[in-house]
């Protein structure tokens, strides 16, 4: 699905470099968030001896109890997926 955004301003400043800079900055923030979330996921994986993918499958199927740790782990997985989707969307941006 292709999307288009039109940005206008009355200010006498070139917008394209500002938007490019903002996108680069957001990508850096997303990279930091992904790295931090990946560290948390690895800690859960080490603690429980499961990959996050296997845990996610079991959690969705109701095969594991809903302990506070498991709920937090599921939340971290959801956060990771969200950050990754945002990163991929911004990496594909083309400014004309």
Protein backbone atom coordinates (compact mmCIF):
# COMPACT_ATOMS: atom_id res chain seq x y z
CA UNK A 1 0.00 0.00 0.00
CA UNK A 2 1.53 3.26 -1.10
CA UNK A 3 0.94 6.40 0.95
CA UNK A 4 1.69 10.00 0.18
CA UNK A 5 2.11 12.90 2.60
CA UNK A 6 2.24 16.51 1.50
CA UNK A 7 3.99 18.96 3.79
CA UNK A 8 3.81 22.71 3.25
CA UNK A 9 5.04 25.75 5.13
CA UNK A 10 5.10 29.52 4.74
CA UNK A 11 8.57 29.64 6.28
CA UNK A 12 11.51 30.36 3.95
CA UNK A 13 13.41 27.23 4.95
CA UNK A 14 14.05 24.09 2.91
CA UNK A 15 11.83 21.37 4.33
CA UNK A 16 13.35 18.33 2.64
CA UNK A 17 16.63 18.41 4.65
CA UNK A 18 14.66 18.93 7.87
CA UNK A 19 12.37 16.00 7.15
CA UNK A 20 15.33 13.80 6.17
CA UNK A 21 17.08 14.72 9.40
CA UNK A 22 13.96 14.00 11.44
CA UNK A 23 13.61 10.59 9.81
CA UNK A 24 17.27 9.75 10.47
CA UNK A 25 16.85 10.81 14.10
CA UNK A 26 13.74 8.70 14.52
CA UNK A 27 15.50 5.72 12.95
CA UNK A 28 18.32 6.08 15.50
CA UNK A 29 15.77 6.17 18.32
CA UNK A 30 14.06 3.09 16.93
CA UNK A 31 17.40 1.27 16.71
CA UNK A 32 18.08 2.07 20.37
CA UNK A 33 14.59 0.92 21.34
CA UNK A 34 14.98 -2.31 19.38
CA UNK A 35 18.36 -3.02 20.98
CA UNK A 36 16.99 -2.37 24.48
CA UNK A 37 13.93 -4.53 23.83
CA UNK A 38 16.09 -7.32 22.35
CA UNK A 39 18.18 -7.30 25.54
CA UNK A 40 15.03 -7.72 27.63
CA UNK A 41 13.83 -10.53 25.37
CA UNK A 42 17.18 -12.34 25.68
CA UNK A 43 17.00 -12.04 29.46
CA UNK A 44 13.58 -13.73 29.46
CA UNK A 45 14.81 -16.38 27.02
CA UNK A 46 17.80 -17.16 29.25
CA UNK A 47 15.67 -17.19 32.39
CA UNK A 48 13.00 -19.52 31.01
CA UNK A 49 14.95 -21.53 28.44
CA UNK A 50 12.60 -20.68 25.57
CA UNK A 51 12.98 -18.54 22.48
CA UNK A 52 10.64 -15.58 22.31
CA UNK A 53 9.05 -17.09 19.21
CA UNK A 54 8.24 -20.34 21.05
CA UNK A 55 7.03 -18.45 24.11
CA UNK A 56 4.81 -16.24 21.94
CA UNK A 57 3.26 -19.30 20.29
CA UNK A 58 2.63 -21.01 23.64
CA UNK A 59 1.33 -17.83 25.29
CA UNK A 60 -1.12 -17.19 22.42
CA UNK A 61 -2.30 -20.81 22.61
CA UNK A 62 -2.86 -20.54 26.37
CA UNK A 63 -0.24 -23.20 27.07
CA UNK A 64 1.54 -21.11 29.73
CA UNK A 65 0.15 -19.44 32.81
CA UNK A 66 -0.34 -15.70 32.90
CA UNK A 67 2.29 -14.81 35.47
CA UNK A 68 3.54 -11.24 35.74
CA UNK A 69 6.82 -12.22 34.04
CA UNK A 70 5.00 -13.87 31.15
CA UNK A 71 2.71 -10.89 30.66
CA UNK A 72 5.75 -8.59 30.67
CA UNK A 73 7.55 -10.88 28.20
CA UNK A 74 4.52 -10.86 25.88
CA UNK A 75 4.47 -7.06 26.14
CA UNK A 76 8.14 -6.84 25.20
CA UNK A 77 7.53 -9.07 22.18
CA UNK A 78 4.64 -6.83 21.10
CA UNK A 79 6.83 -3.75 21.58
CA UNK A 80 9.61 -5.31 19.51
CA UNK A 81 7.22 -6.07 16.64
CA UNK A 82 5.81 -2.53 16.75
CA UNK A 83 9.25 -0.89 16.76
CA UNK A 84 10.42 -3.16 13.92
CA UNK A 85 7.38 -2.28 11.80
CA UNK A 86 7.96 1.44 12.40
CA UNK A 87 11.64 1.07 11.52
CA UNK A 88 10.86 -0.77 8.29
CA UNK A 89 8.27 1.84 7.31
CA UNK A 90 10.73 4.70 7.80
CA UNK A 91 13.53 2.87 6.01
CA UNK A 92 11.31 2.66 2.93
CA UNK A 93 10.42 6.36 2.87
CA UNK A 94 11.27 8.15 -0.35
CA UNK A 95 11.31 11.94 -0.37
CA UNK A 96 10.87 13.72 -3.68
